[in-house]
Amino acid sequence: MPRLCPHCRVPRQLSEEECCGLGLEASLIERIGHRGAWDRTVNESGGCDACRGRGFVGRVLVVDQLVMTPLVREIIQKGYDPVELDRVARAEGFEIFRTSGARQLAAGEISPHSYHLLLAGGCV
């Protein structure tokens, strides 16, 4: 995903309606480990000399992340069913791309528009 330029990104607060539209419920914000209460501040793209007026510089990785813990490894090796693997993986810290993207959004690294495209399955 495009990373917002750190020199010209513009902070703003999401409305409650925007949060709902992006699926940013309180439980998701808690899951991403955002310190303290998130005040719905996000960043939008600006444009400056550092980013050649684009508002973005570089990319941010937003992925499904499965931590290969001993328990997850054991379940995979023994060939447990996918439902059990999913349950254990989530308990052991599995993070889907939606959560990874929300973490980047709350940190101000990606824009709400980029996050929306991620959820919609569009190319970013």
PDB file of N, CA and C in Angstrom:
ATOM      1  N   MET A   1       0.850  -1.174   0.000  1.00  0.00           N
ATOM      2  CA  MET A   1       0.000   0.000   0.000  1.00  0.00           C
ATOM      3  C   MET A   1       0.893   1.234   0.000  1.00  0.00           C
ATOM      4  N   PRO A   2       0.444   2.310  -0.600  1.00  0.00           N
ATOM      5  CA  PRO A   2       1.241   3.536  -0.595  1.00  0.00           C
ATOM      6  C   PRO A   2       1.363   4.117   0.813  1.00  0.00           C
ATOM      7  N   ARG A   3       2.596   4.461   1.188  1.00  0.00           N
ATOM      8  CA  ARG A   3       2.853   5.077   2.494  1.00  0.00           C
ATOM      9  C   ARG A   3       2.703   6.594   2.362  1.00  0.00           C
ATOM     10  N   LEU A   4       1.944   7.176   3.280  1.00  0.00           N
ATOM     11  CA  LEU A   4       1.788   8.631   3.276  1.00  0.00           C
ATOM     12  C   LEU A   4       3.134   9.309   3.538  1.00  0.00           C
ATOM     13  N   CYS A   5       3.363  10.399   2.846  1.00  0.00           N
ATOM     14  CA  CYS A   5       4.605  11.155   3.029  1.00  0.00           C
ATOM     15  C   CYS A   5       4.655  11.699   4.463  1.00  0.00           C
ATOM     16  N   PRO A   6       5.731  11.441   5.192  1.00  0.00           N
ATOM     17  CA  PRO A   6       5.807  11.927   6.574  1.00  0.00           C
ATOM     18  C   PRO A   6       5.972  13.446   6.672  1.00  0.00           C
ATOM     19  N   HIS A   7       6.318  14.084   5.563  1.00  0.00           N
ATOM     20  CA  HIS A   7       6.562  15.528   5.589  1.00  0.00           C
ATOM     21  C   HIS A   7       5.297  16.350   5.355  1.00  0.00           C
ATOM     22  N   CYS A   8       4.319  15.775   4.667  1.00  0.00           N
ATOM     23  CA  CYS A   8       3.153  16.593   4.313  1.00  0.00           C
ATOM     24  C   CYS A   8       1.809  15.949   4.625  1.00  0.00           C
ATOM     25  N   ARG A   9       1.802  14.792   5.291  1.00  0.00           N
ATOM     26  CA  ARG A   9       0.505  14.183   5.590  1.00  0.00           C
ATOM     27  C   ARG A   9      -0.290  15.097   6.502  1.00  0.00           C
ATOM     28  N   VAL A  10      -1.588  15.076   6.305  1.00  0.00           N
ATOM     29  CA  VAL A  10      -2.483  16.016   6.978  1.00  0.00           C
ATOM     30  C   VAL A  10      -3.400  15.250   7.931  1.00  0.00           C
ATOM     31  N   PRO A  11      -3.291  15.505   9.234  1.00  0.00           N
ATOM     32  CA  PRO A  11      -4.144  14.785  10.186  1.00  0.00           C
ATOM     33  C   PRO A  11      -5.579  15.316  10.176  1.00  0.00           C
ATOM     34  N   ARG A  12      -6.501  14.413  10.406  1.00  0.00           N
ATOM     35  CA  ARG A  12      -7.910  14.775  10.596  1.00  0.00           C
ATOM     36  C   ARG A  12      -8.577  13.656  11.377  1.00  0.00           C
ATOM     37  N   GLN A  13      -9.743  13.957  11.917  1.00  0.00           N
ATOM     38  CA  GLN A  13     -10.477  12.940  12.663  1.00  0.00           C
ATOM     39  C   GLN A  13     -11.577  12.347  11.799  1.00  0.00           C
ATOM     40  N   LEU A  14     -11.692  11.026  11.862  1.00  0.00           N
ATOM     41  CA  LEU A  14     -12.788  10.351  11.181  1.00  0.00           C
ATOM     42  C   LEU A  14     -14.077  10.581  11.954  1.00  0.00           C
ATOM     43  N   SER A  15     -15.161  10.730  11.235  1.00  0.00           N
ATOM     44  CA  SER A  15     -16.462  10.816  11.899  1.00  0.00           C
ATOM     45  C   SER A  15     -16.868   9.406  12.328  1.00  0.00           C
ATOM     46  N   GLU A  16     -17.853   9.343  13.176  1.00  0.00           N
ATOM     47  CA  GLU A  16     -18.356   8.040  13.605  1.00  0.00           C
ATOM     48  C   GLU A  16     -18.897   7.244  12.415  1.00  0.00           C
ATOM     49  N   GLU A  17     -19.546   7.952  11.490  1.00  0.00           N
ATOM     50  CA  GLU A  17     -20.089   7.302  10.295  1.00  0.00           C
ATOM     51  C   GLU A  17     -18.966   6.721   9.433  1.00  0.00           C
ATOM     52  N   GLU A  18     -17.865   7.471   9.296  1.00  0.00           N
ATOM     53  CA  GLU A  18     -16.731   6.971   8.513  1.00  0.00           C
ATOM     54  C   GLU A  18     -16.126   5.726   9.166  1.00  0.00           C
ATOM     55  N   CYS A  19     -16.004   5.749  10.489  1.00  0.00           N
ATOM     56  CA  CYS A  19     -15.475   4.584  11.206  1.00  0.00           C
ATOM     57  C   CYS A  19     -16.348   3.363  10.948  1.00  0.00           C
ATOM     58  N   CYS A  20     -17.654   3.543  11.026  1.00  0.00           N
ATOM     59  CA  CYS A  20     -18.572   2.431  10.766  1.00  0.00           C
ATOM     60  C   CYS A  20     -18.433   1.951   9.330  1.00  0.00           C
ATOM     61  N   GLY A  21     -18.339   2.874   8.392  1.00  0.00           N
ATOM     62  CA  GLY A  21     -18.202   2.523   6.986  1.00  0.00           C
ATOM     63  C   GLY A  21     -16.925   1.755   6.693  1.00  0.00           C
ATOM     64  N   LEU A  22     -15.873   2.011   7.468  1.00  0.00           N
ATOM     65  CA  LEU A  22     -14.600   1.319   7.299  1.00  0.00           C
ATOM     66  C   LEU A  22     -14.500   0.074   8.181  1.00  0.00           C
ATOM     67  N   GLY A  23     -15.535  -0.184   8.967  1.00  0.00           N
ATOM     68  CA  GLY A  23     -15.511  -1.368   9.835  1.00  0.00           C
ATOM     69  C   GLY A  23     -14.555  -1.228  11.000  1.00  0.00           C
ATOM     70  N   LEU A  24     -14.348   0.000  11.461  1.00  0.00           N
ATOM     71  CA  LEU A  24     -13.406   0.243  12.559  1.00  0.00           C
ATOM     72  C   LEU A  24     -14.141   0.283  13.892  1.00  0.00           C
ATOM     73  N   GLU A  25     -14.627  -0.873  14.307  1.00  0.00           N
ATOM     74  CA  GLU A  25     -15.306  -0.960  15.585  1.00  0.00           C
ATOM     75  C   GLU A  25     -14.274  -0.996  16.712  1.00  0.00           C
ATOM     76  N   ALA A  26     -14.729  -0.733  17.928  1.00  0.00           N
ATOM     77  CA  ALA A  26     -13.833  -0.659  19.085  1.00  0.00           C
ATOM     78  C   ALA A  26     -13.024  -1.932  19.281  1.00  0.00           C
ATOM     79  N   SER A  27     -13.629  -3.093  19.026  1.00  0.00           N
ATOM     80  CA  SER A  27     -12.912  -4.348  19.245  1.00  0.00           C
ATOM     81  C   SER A  27     -11.713  -4.478  18.307  1.00  0.00           C
ATOM     82  N   LEU A  28     -11.827  -3.969  17.081  1.00  0.00           N
ATOM     83  CA  LEU A  28     -10.707  -4.011  16.150  1.00  0.00           C
ATOM     84  C   LEU A  28      -9.586  -3.091  16.624  1.00  0.00           C
ATOM     85  N   ILE A  29      -9.943  -1.920  17.100  1.00  0.00           N
ATOM     86  CA  ILE A  29      -8.931  -0.973  17.581  1.00  0.00           C
ATOM     87  C   ILE A  29      -8.208  -1.562  18.794  1.00  0.00           C
ATOM     88  N   GLU A  30      -8.947  -2.228  19.676  1.00  0.00           N
ATOM     89  CA  GLU A  30      -8.308  -2.886  20.825  1.00  0.00           C
ATOM     90  C   GLU A  30      -7.367  -3.994  20.365  1.00  0.00           C
ATOM     91  N   ARG A  31      -7.779  -4.740  19.348  1.00  0.00           N
ATOM     92  CA  ARG A  31      -6.992  -5.857  18.849  1.00  0.00           C
ATOM     93  C   ARG A  31      -5.671  -5.404  18.242  1.00  0.00           C
ATOM     94  N   ILE A  32      -5.645  -4.220  17.642  1.00  0.00           N
ATOM     95  CA  ILE A  32      -4.400  -3.766  17.022  1.00  0.00           C
ATOM     96  C   ILE A  32      -3.427  -3.204  18.048  1.00  0.00           C
ATOM     97  N   GLY A  33      -3.862  -3.107  19.283  1.00  0.00           N
ATOM     98  CA  GLY A  33      -2.949  -2.685  20.343  1.00  0.00           C
ATOM     99  C   GLY A  33      -2.640  -1.206  20.349  1.00  0.00           C
ATOM    100  N   HIS A  34      -3.571  -0.396  19.827  1.00  0.00           N
ATOM    101  CA  HIS A  34      -3.350   1.052  19.828  1.00  0.00           C
ATOM    102  C   HIS A  34      -3.312   1.535  21.271  1.00  0.00           C
ATOM    103  N   ARG A  35      -2.260   2.225  21.612  1.00  0.00           N
ATOM    104  CA  ARG A  35      -2.080   2.669  23.002  1.00  0.00           C
ATOM    105  C   ARG A  35      -3.095   3.759  23.345  1.00  0.00           C
ATOM    106  N   GLY A  36      -3.732   3.576  24.491  1.00  0.00           N
ATOM    107  CA  GLY A  36      -4.712   4.553  24.942  1.00  0.00           C
ATOM    108  C   GLY A  36      -5.959   4.528  24.080  1.00  0.00           C
ATOM    109  N   ALA A  37      -6.794   5.502  24.288  1.00  0.00           N
ATOM    110  CA  ALA A  37      -8.027   5.601  23.517  1.00  0.00           C
ATOM    111  C   ALA A  37      -7.713   6.257  22.175  1.00  0.00           C
ATOM    112  N   TRP A  38      -8.102   5.612  21.090  1.00  0.00           N
ATOM    113  CA  TRP A  38      -7.879   6.163  19.759  1.00  0.00           C
ATOM    114  C   TRP A  38      -8.909   7.243  19.522  1.00  0.00           C
ATOM    115  N   ASP A  39      -8.474   8.431  19.197  1.00  0.00           N
ATOM    116  CA  ASP A  39      -9.399   9.545  18.994  1.00  0.00           C
ATOM    117  C   ASP A  39      -9.861   9.673  17.541  1.00  0.00           C
ATOM    118  N   ARG A  40      -9.688   8.596  16.769  1.00  0.00           N
ATOM    119  CA  ARG A  40     -10.094   8.524  15.359  1.00  0.00           C
ATOM    120  C   ARG A  40      -9.280   9.445  14.462  1.00  0.00           C
ATOM    121  N   THR A  41      -8.075   9.823  14.920  1.00  0.00           N
ATOM    122  CA  THR A  41      -7.208  10.648  14.083  1.00  0.00           C
ATOM    123  C   THR A  41      -6.524   9.773  13.046  1.00  0.00           C
ATOM    124  N   VAL A  42      -6.627  10.185  11.807  1.00  0.00           N
ATOM    125  CA  VAL A  42      -5.969   9.518  10.685  1.00  0.00           C
ATOM    126  C   VAL A  42      -5.233  10.587   9.891  1.00  0.00           C
ATOM    127  N   ASN A  43      -4.494  10.170   8.902  1.00  0.00           N
ATOM    128  CA  ASN A  43      -3.800  11.116   8.040  1.00  0.00           C
ATOM    129  C   ASN A  43      -4.279  10.965   6.617  1.00  0.00           C
ATOM    130  N   GLU A  44      -4.315  12.079   5.908  1.00  0.00           N
ATOM    131  CA  GLU A  44      -4.629  12.125   4.488  1.00  0.00           C
ATOM    132  C   GLU A  44      -3.376  12.569   3.748  1.00  0.00           C
ATOM    133  N   SER A  45      -3.372  12.343   2.446  1.00  0.00           N
ATOM    134  CA  SER A  45      -2.214  12.758   1.662  1.00  0.00           C
ATOM    135  C   SER A  45      -2.218  14.271   1.471  1.00  0.00           C
ATOM    136  N   GLY A  46      -1.021  14.820   1.444  1.00  0.00           N
ATOM    137  CA  GLY A  46      -0.852  16.249   1.195  1.00  0.00           C
ATOM    138  C   GLY A  46      -0.196  16.436  -0.159  1.00  0.00           C
ATOM    139  N   GLY A  47       1.035  16.853  -0.135  1.00  0.00           N
ATOM    140  CA  GLY A  47       1.814  17.059  -1.348  1.00  0.00           C
ATOM    141  C   GLY A  47       2.910  18.068  -1.056  1.00  0.00           C
ATOM    142  N   CYS A  48       4.139  17.680  -1.297  1.00  0.00           N
ATOM    143  CA  CYS A  48       5.270  18.563  -1.026  1.00  0.00           C
ATOM    144  C   CYS A  48       6.427  18.199  -1.956  1.00  0.00           C
ATOM    145  N   ASP A  49       7.534  18.917  -1.823  1.00  0.00           N
ATOM    146  CA  ASP A  49       8.705  18.643  -2.662  1.00  0.00           C
ATOM    147  C   ASP A  49       9.281  17.261  -2.382  1.00  0.00           C
ATOM    148  N   ALA A  50       9.239  16.827  -1.118  1.00  0.00           N
ATOM    149  CA  ALA A  50       9.831  15.531  -0.753  1.00  0.00           C
ATOM    150  C   ALA A  50       9.149  14.359  -1.471  1.00  0.00           C
ATOM    151  N   CYS A  51       7.849  14.484  -1.725  1.00  0.00           N
ATOM    152  CA  CYS A  51       7.102  13.401  -2.393  1.00  0.00           C
ATOM    153  C   CYS A  51       6.712  13.779  -3.819  1.00  0.00           C
ATOM    154  N   ARG A  52       7.275  14.881  -4.295  1.00  0.00           N
ATOM    155  CA  ARG A  52       6.983  15.382  -5.654  1.00  0.00           C
ATOM    156  C   ARG A  52       5.495  15.661  -5.855  1.00  0.00           C
ATOM    157  N   GLY A  53       4.869  16.146  -4.785  1.00  0.00           N
ATOM    158  CA  GLY A  53       3.466  16.536  -4.862  1.00  0.00           C
ATOM    159  C   GLY A  53       2.464  15.405  -4.859  1.00  0.00           C
ATOM    160  N   ARG A  54       2.921  14.164  -4.710  1.00  0.00           N
ATOM    161  CA  ARG A  54       2.009  13.018  -4.752  1.00  0.00           C
ATOM    162  C   ARG A  54       1.330  12.744  -3.413  1.00  0.00           C
ATOM    163  N   GLY A  55       1.992  13.087  -2.312  1.00  0.00           N
ATOM    164  CA  GLY A  55       1.434  12.792  -0.989  1.00  0.00           C
ATOM    165  C   GLY A  55       1.843  11.442  -0.453  1.00  0.00           C
ATOM    166  N   PHE A  56       2.529  10.655  -1.267  1.00  0.00           N
ATOM    167  CA  PHE A  56       2.947   9.309  -0.873  1.00  0.00           C
ATOM    168  C   PHE A  56       4.425   9.115  -1.196  1.00  0.00           C
ATOM    169  N   VAL A  57       5.089   8.349  -0.352  1.00  0.00           N
ATOM    170  CA  VAL A  57       6.484   8.001  -0.610  1.00  0.00           C
ATOM    171  C   VAL A  57       6.723   6.587  -0.082  1.00  0.00           C
ATOM    172  N   GLY A  58       7.079   5.687  -0.952  1.00  0.00           N
ATOM    173  CA  GLY A  58       7.318   4.306  -0.548  1.00  0.00           C
ATOM    174  C   GLY A  58       6.021   3.531  -0.378  1.00  0.00           C
ATOM    175  N   ARG A  59       6.168   2.359   0.229  1.00  0.00           N
ATOM    176  CA  ARG A  59       5.038   1.462   0.414  1.00  0.00           C
ATOM    177  C   ARG A  59       5.048   0.882   1.817  1.00  0.00           C
ATOM    178  N   VAL A  60       3.885   0.447   2.263  1.00  0.00           N
ATOM    179  CA  VAL A  60       3.697  -0.200   3.558  1.00  0.00           C
ATOM    180  C   VAL A  60       3.180  -1.606   3.280  1.00  0.00           C
ATOM    181  N   LEU A  61       3.721  -2.568   3.980  1.00  0.00           N
ATOM    182  CA  LEU A  61       3.294  -3.952   3.807  1.00  0.00           C
ATOM    183  C   LEU A  61       2.067  -4.219   4.674  1.00  0.00           C
ATOM    184  N   VAL A  62       0.995  -4.676   4.055  1.00  0.00           N
ATOM    185  CA  VAL A  62      -0.227  -5.053   4.755  1.00  0.00           C
ATOM    186  C   VAL A  62      -0.520  -6.492   4.346  1.00  0.00           C
ATOM    187  N   VAL A  63      -0.376  -7.415   5.301  1.00  0.00           N
ATOM    188  CA  VAL A  63      -0.454  -8.841   4.984  1.00  0.00           C
ATOM    189  C   VAL A  63      -1.156  -9.631   6.086  1.00  0.00           C
ATOM    190  N   ASP A  64      -1.558 -10.847   5.721  1.00  0.00           N
ATOM    191  CA  ASP A  64      -1.947 -11.823   6.733  1.00  0.00           C
ATOM    192  C   ASP A  64      -0.645 -12.286   7.376  1.00  0.00           C
ATOM    193  N   GLN A  65      -0.619 -12.367   8.688  1.00  0.00           N
ATOM    194  CA  GLN A  65       0.614 -12.767   9.374  1.00  0.00           C
ATOM    195  C   GLN A  65       0.317 -13.886  10.361  1.00  0.00           C
ATOM    196  N   LEU A  66       0.902 -15.041  10.095  1.00  0.00           N
ATOM    197  CA  LEU A  66       0.750 -16.191  10.976  1.00  0.00           C
ATOM    198  C   LEU A  66       2.080 -16.424  11.687  1.00  0.00           C
ATOM    199  N   VAL A  67       2.075 -16.271  12.989  1.00  0.00           N
ATOM    200  CA  VAL A  67       3.270 -16.525  13.788  1.00  0.00           C
ATOM    201  C   VAL A  67       3.354 -18.031  14.020  1.00  0.00           C
ATOM    202  N   MET A  68       4.473 -18.612  13.621  1.00  0.00           N
ATOM    203  CA  MET A  68       4.645 -20.064  13.725  1.00  0.00           C
ATOM    204  C   MET A  68       5.091 -20.423  15.139  1.00  0.00           C
ATOM    205  N   THR A  69       4.124 -20.476  16.040  1.00  0.00           N
ATOM    206  CA  THR A  69       4.407 -20.866  17.414  1.00  0.00           C
ATOM    207  C   THR A  69       4.498 -22.395  17.474  1.00  0.00           C
ATOM    208  N   PRO A  70       5.031 -22.930  18.549  1.00  0.00           N
ATOM    209  CA  PRO A  70       5.091 -24.392  18.663  1.00  0.00           C
ATOM    210  C   PRO A  70       3.718 -25.060  18.526  1.00  0.00           C
ATOM    211  N   LEU A  71       2.677 -24.453  19.085  1.00  0.00           N
ATOM    212  CA  LEU A  71       1.340 -25.039  19.002  1.00  0.00           C
ATOM    213  C   LEU A  71       0.809 -25.020  17.570  1.00  0.00           C
ATOM    214  N   VAL A  72       1.005 -23.912  16.869  1.00  0.00           N
ATOM    215  CA  VAL A  72       0.567 -23.818  15.471  1.00  0.00           C
ATOM    216  C   VAL A  72       1.319 -24.842  14.628  1.00  0.00           C
ATOM    217  N   ARG A  73       2.619 -24.941  14.836  1.00  0.00           N
ATOM    218  CA  ARG A  73       3.434 -25.909  14.094  1.00  0.00           C
ATOM    219  C   ARG A  73       2.926 -27.339  14.333  1.00  0.00           C
ATOM    220  N   GLU A  74       2.633 -27.651  15.581  1.00  0.00           N
ATOM    221  CA  GLU A  74       2.147 -28.989  15.924  1.00  0.00           C
ATOM    222  C   GLU A  74       0.832 -29.292  15.207  1.00  0.00           C
ATOM    223  N   ILE A  75      -0.071 -28.333  15.191  1.00  0.00           N
ATOM    224  CA  ILE A  75      -1.369 -28.532  14.545  1.00  0.00           C
ATOM    225  C   ILE A  75      -1.193 -28.748  13.042  1.00  0.00           C
ATOM    226  N   ILE A  76      -0.307 -27.989  12.431  1.00  0.00           N
ATOM    227  CA  ILE A  76      -0.057 -28.152  10.997  1.00  0.00           C
ATOM    228  C   ILE A  76       0.558 -29.517  10.710  1.00  0.00           C
ATOM    229  N   GLN A  77       1.527 -29.898  11.518  1.00  0.00           N
ATOM    230  CA  GLN A  77       2.206 -31.172  11.293  1.00  0.00           C
ATOM    231  C   GLN A  77       1.283 -32.368  11.484  1.00  0.00           C
ATOM    232  N   LYS A  78       0.366 -32.253  12.418  1.00  0.00           N
ATOM    233  CA  LYS A  78      -0.562 -33.363  12.686  1.00  0.00           C
ATOM    234  C   LYS A  78      -1.757 -33.359  11.739  1.00  0.00           C
ATOM    235  N   GLY A  79      -1.888 -32.302  10.925  1.00  0.00           N
ATOM    236  CA  GLY A  79      -2.963 -32.265   9.944  1.00  0.00           C
ATOM    237  C   GLY A  79      -4.345 -32.033  10.529  1.00  0.00           C
ATOM    238  N   TYR A  80      -4.457 -31.201  11.570  1.00  0.00           N
ATOM    239  CA  TYR A  80      -5.766 -30.880  12.150  1.00  0.00           C
ATOM    240  C   TYR A  80      -6.625 -30.178  11.110  1.00  0.00           C
ATOM    241  N   ASP A  81      -7.906 -30.142  11.350  1.00  0.00           N
ATOM    242  CA  ASP A  81      -8.810 -29.509  10.392  1.00  0.00           C
ATOM    243  C   ASP A  81      -8.621 -27.991  10.368  1.00  0.00           C
ATOM    244  N   PRO A  82      -8.994 -27.335   9.270  1.00  0.00           N
ATOM    245  CA  PRO A  82      -8.800 -25.893   9.105  1.00  0.00           C
ATOM    246  C   PRO A  82      -9.493 -25.045  10.169  1.00  0.00           C
ATOM    247  N   VAL A  83     -10.640 -25.480  10.635  1.00  0.00           N
ATOM    248  CA  VAL A  83     -11.359 -24.723  11.668  1.00  0.00           C
ATOM    249  C   VAL A  83     -10.538 -24.678  12.956  1.00  0.00           C
ATOM    250  N   GLU A  84      -9.963 -25.810  13.341  1.00  0.00           N
ATOM    251  CA  GLU A  84      -9.126 -25.868  14.543  1.00  0.00           C
ATOM    252  C   GLU A  84      -7.863 -25.032  14.350  1.00  0.00           C
ATOM    253  N   LEU A  85      -7.271 -25.121  13.177  1.00  0.00           N
ATOM    254  CA  LEU A  85      -6.073 -24.327  12.893  1.00  0.00           C
ATOM    255  C   LEU A  85      -6.383 -22.838  12.996  1.00  0.00           C
ATOM    256  N   ASP A  86      -7.504 -22.413  12.430  1.00  0.00           N
ATOM    257  CA  ASP A  86      -7.900 -21.007  12.492  1.00  0.00           C
ATOM    258  C   ASP A  86      -8.097 -20.559  13.938  1.00  0.00           C
ATOM    259  N   ARG A  87      -8.787 -21.371  14.730  1.00  0.00           N
ATOM    260  CA  ARG A  87      -9.045 -21.025  16.135  1.00  0.00           C
ATOM    261  C   ARG A  87      -7.745 -20.858  16.906  1.00  0.00           C
ATOM    262  N   VAL A  88      -6.835 -21.821  16.760  1.00  0.00           N
ATOM    263  CA  VAL A  88      -5.568 -21.767  17.489  1.00  0.00           C
ATOM    264  C   VAL A  88      -4.685 -20.633  16.966  1.00  0.00           C
ATOM    265  N   ALA A  89      -4.645 -20.468  15.652  1.00  0.00           N
ATOM    266  CA  ALA A  89      -3.815 -19.421  15.064  1.00  0.00           C
ATOM    267  C   ALA A  89      -4.238 -18.043  15.576  1.00  0.00           C
ATOM    268  N   ARG A  90      -5.530 -17.792  15.625  1.00  0.00           N
ATOM    269  CA  ARG A  90      -6.016 -16.494  16.140  1.00  0.00           C
ATOM    270  C   ARG A  90      -5.653 -16.324  17.617  1.00  0.00           C
ATOM    271  N   ALA A  91      -5.772 -17.386  18.396  1.00  0.00           N
ATOM    272  CA  ALA A  91      -5.403 -17.312  19.814  1.00  0.00           C
ATOM    273  C   ALA A  91      -3.906 -17.075  19.984  1.00  0.00           C
ATOM    274  N   GLU A  92      -3.119 -17.538  19.005  1.00  0.00           N
ATOM    275  CA  GLU A  92      -1.660 -17.416  19.075  1.00  0.00           C
ATOM    276  C   GLU A  92      -1.140 -16.160  18.385  1.00  0.00           C
ATOM    277  N   GLY A  93      -2.034 -15.286  17.900  1.00  0.00           N
ATOM    278  CA  GLY A  93      -1.588 -14.016  17.346  1.00  0.00           C
ATOM    279  C   GLY A  93      -1.696 -13.852  15.848  1.00  0.00           C
ATOM    280  N   PHE A  94      -2.423 -14.743  15.155  1.00  0.00           N
ATOM    281  CA  PHE A  94      -2.632 -14.596  13.713  1.00  0.00           C
ATOM    282  C   PHE A  94      -3.311 -13.272  13.438  1.00  0.00           C
ATOM    283  N   GLU A  95      -2.797 -12.552  12.451  1.00  0.00           N
ATOM    284  CA  GLU A  95      -3.352 -11.240  12.119  1.00  0.00           C
ATOM    285  C   GLU A  95      -3.740 -11.217  10.650  1.00  0.00           C
ATOM    286  N   ILE A  96      -5.013 -10.980  10.364  1.00  0.00           N
ATOM    287  CA  ILE A  96      -5.457 -10.902   8.981  1.00  0.00           C
ATOM    288  C   ILE A  96      -5.120  -9.523   8.419  1.00  0.00           C
ATOM    289  N   PHE A  97      -5.136  -9.407   7.098  1.00  0.00           N
ATOM    290  CA  PHE A  97      -4.741  -8.162   6.449  1.00  0.00           C
ATOM    291  C   PHE A  97      -5.604  -6.990   6.886  1.00  0.00           C
ATOM    292  N   ARG A  98      -6.874  -7.228   7.212  1.00  0.00           N
ATOM    293  CA  ARG A  98      -7.757  -6.149   7.677  1.00  0.00           C
ATOM    294  C   ARG A  98      -7.215  -5.529   8.969  1.00  0.00           C
ATOM    295  N   THR A  99      -6.769  -6.383   9.873  1.00  0.00           N
ATOM    296  CA  THR A  99      -6.205  -5.896  11.136  1.00  0.00           C
ATOM    297  C   THR A  99      -4.868  -5.207  10.893  1.00  0.00           C
ATOM    298  N   SER A 100      -4.054  -5.785  10.027  1.00  0.00           N
ATOM    299  CA  SER A 100      -2.775  -5.186   9.680  1.00  0.00           C
ATOM    300  C   SER A 100      -2.983  -3.802   9.062  1.00  0.00           C
ATOM    301  N   GLY A 101      -3.966  -3.684   8.177  1.00  0.00           N
ATOM    302  CA  GLY A 101      -4.277  -2.398   7.562  1.00  0.00           C
ATOM    303  C   GLY A 101      -4.793  -1.386   8.573  1.00  0.00           C
ATOM    304  N   ALA A 102      -5.641  -1.836   9.493  1.00  0.00           N
ATOM    305  CA  ALA A 102      -6.169  -0.942  10.537  1.00  0.00           C
ATOM    306  C   ALA A 102      -5.036  -0.432  11.419  1.00  0.00           C
ATOM    307  N   ARG A 103      -4.055  -1.298  11.684  1.00  0.00           N
ATOM    308  CA  ARG A 103      -2.892  -0.886  12.480  1.00  0.00           C
ATOM    309  C   ARG A 103      -2.138   0.243  11.758  1.00  0.00           C
ATOM    310  N   GLN A 104      -1.951   0.099  10.447  1.00  0.00           N
ATOM    311  CA  GLN A 104      -1.251   1.120   9.664  1.00  0.00           C
ATOM    312  C   GLN A 104      -2.070   2.410   9.563  1.00  0.00           C
ATOM    313  N   LEU A 105      -3.389   2.281   9.457  1.00  0.00           N
ATOM    314  CA  LEU A 105      -4.267   3.448   9.410  1.00  0.00           C
ATOM    315  C   LEU A 105      -4.200   4.224  10.716  1.00  0.00           C
ATOM    316  N   ALA A 106      -4.342   3.533  11.842  1.00  0.00           N
ATOM    317  CA  ALA A 106      -4.310   4.185  13.158  1.00  0.00           C
ATOM    318  C   ALA A 106      -2.946   4.807  13.443  1.00  0.00           C
ATOM    319  N   ALA A 107      -1.887   4.230  12.874  1.00  0.00           N
ATOM    320  CA  ALA A 107      -0.542   4.780  13.064  1.00  0.00           C
ATOM    321  C   ALA A 107      -0.277   5.958  12.131  1.00  0.00           C
ATOM    322  N   GLY A 108      -1.196   6.230  11.212  1.00  0.00           N
ATOM    323  CA  GLY A 108      -1.034   7.360  10.308  1.00  0.00           C
ATOM    324  C   GLY A 108      -0.187   7.070   9.090  1.00  0.00           C
ATOM    325  N   GLU A 109       0.089   5.805   8.815  1.00  0.00           N
ATOM    326  CA  GLU A 109       0.950   5.436   7.690  1.00  0.00           C
ATOM    327  C   GLU A 109       0.202   5.334   6.368  1.00  0.00           C
ATOM    328  N   ILE A 110      -1.105   4.999   6.417  1.00  0.00           N
ATOM    329  CA  ILE A 110      -1.903   4.909   5.193  1.00  0.00           C
ATOM    330  C   ILE A 110      -3.152   5.759   5.358  1.00  0.00           C
ATOM    331  N   SER A 111      -3.746   6.120   4.239  1.00  0.00           N
ATOM    332  CA  SER A 111      -4.941   6.965   4.264  1.00  0.00           C
ATOM    333  C   SER A 111      -6.207   6.128   4.404  1.00  0.00           C
ATOM    334  N   PRO A 112      -7.299   6.750   4.847  1.00  0.00           N
ATOM    335  CA  PRO A 112      -8.574   6.035   4.893  1.00  0.00           C
ATOM    336  C   PRO A 112      -8.977   5.517   3.506  1.00  0.00           C
ATOM    337  N   HIS A 113      -8.673   6.274   2.468  1.00  0.00           N
ATOM    338  CA  HIS A 113      -9.005   5.842   1.107  1.00  0.00           C
ATOM    339  C   HIS A 113      -8.261   4.550   0.760  1.00  0.00           C
ATOM    340  N   SER A 114      -6.983   4.484   1.076  1.00  0.00           N
ATOM    341  CA  SER A 114      -6.201   3.269   0.813  1.00  0.00           C
ATOM    342  C   SER A 114      -6.755   2.092   1.604  1.00  0.00           C
ATOM    343  N   TYR A 115      -7.126   2.335   2.852  1.00  0.00           N
ATOM    344  CA  TYR A 115      -7.692   1.267   3.689  1.00  0.00           C
ATOM    345  C   TYR A 115      -9.007   0.778   3.098  1.00  0.00           C
ATOM    346  N   HIS A 116      -9.838   1.704   2.649  1.00  0.00           N
ATOM    347  CA  HIS A 116     -11.108   1.337   2.013  1.00  0.00           C
ATOM    348  C   HIS A 116     -10.863   0.473   0.778  1.00  0.00           C
ATOM    349  N   LEU A 117      -9.891   0.840  -0.051  1.00  0.00           N
ATOM    350  CA  LEU A 117      -9.581   0.049  -1.243  1.00  0.00           C
ATOM    351  C   LEU A 117      -9.081  -1.342  -0.862  1.00  0.00           C
ATOM    352  N   LEU A 118      -8.321  -1.420   0.215  1.00  0.00           N
ATOM    353  CA  LEU A 118      -7.836  -2.711   0.702  1.00  0.00           C
ATOM    354  C   LEU A 118      -9.015  -3.613   1.053  1.00  0.00           C
ATOM    355  N   LEU A 119      -9.993  -3.069   1.779  1.00  0.00           N
ATOM    356  CA  LEU A 119     -11.162  -3.855   2.184  1.00  0.00           C
ATOM    357  C   LEU A 119     -12.014  -4.246   0.989  1.00  0.00           C
ATOM    358  N   ALA A 120     -12.062  -3.367  -0.006  1.00  0.00           N
ATOM    359  CA  ALA A 120     -12.876  -3.623  -1.184  1.00  0.00           C
ATOM    360  C   ALA A 120     -12.196  -4.573  -2.165  1.00  0.00           C
ATOM    361  N   GLY A 121     -10.928  -4.882  -1.891  1.00  0.00           N
ATOM    362  CA  GLY A 121     -10.203  -5.786  -2.772  1.00  0.00           C
ATOM    363  C   GLY A 121      -9.634  -5.111  -3.992  1.00  0.00           C
ATOM    364  N   GLY A 122      -9.602  -3.772  -3.968  1.00  0.00           N
ATOM    365  CA  GLY A 122      -9.060  -3.033  -5.107  1.00  0.00           C
ATOM    366  C   GLY A 122      -7.545  -2.949  -5.040  1.00  0.00           C
ATOM    367  N   CYS A 123      -6.968  -2.626  -6.160  1.00  0.00           N
ATOM    368  CA  CYS A 123      -5.509  -2.441  -6.226  1.00  0.00           C
ATOM    369  C   CYS A 123      -5.176  -1.090  -5.636  1.00  0.00           C
ATOM    370  N   VAL A 124      -4.133  -1.064  -4.835  1.00  0.00           N
ATOM    371  CA  VAL A 124      -3.702   0.181  -4.206  1.00  0.00           C
ATOM    372  C   VAL A 124      -2.279   0.450  -4.607  1.00  0.00           C
TER     373      VAL A 124
END
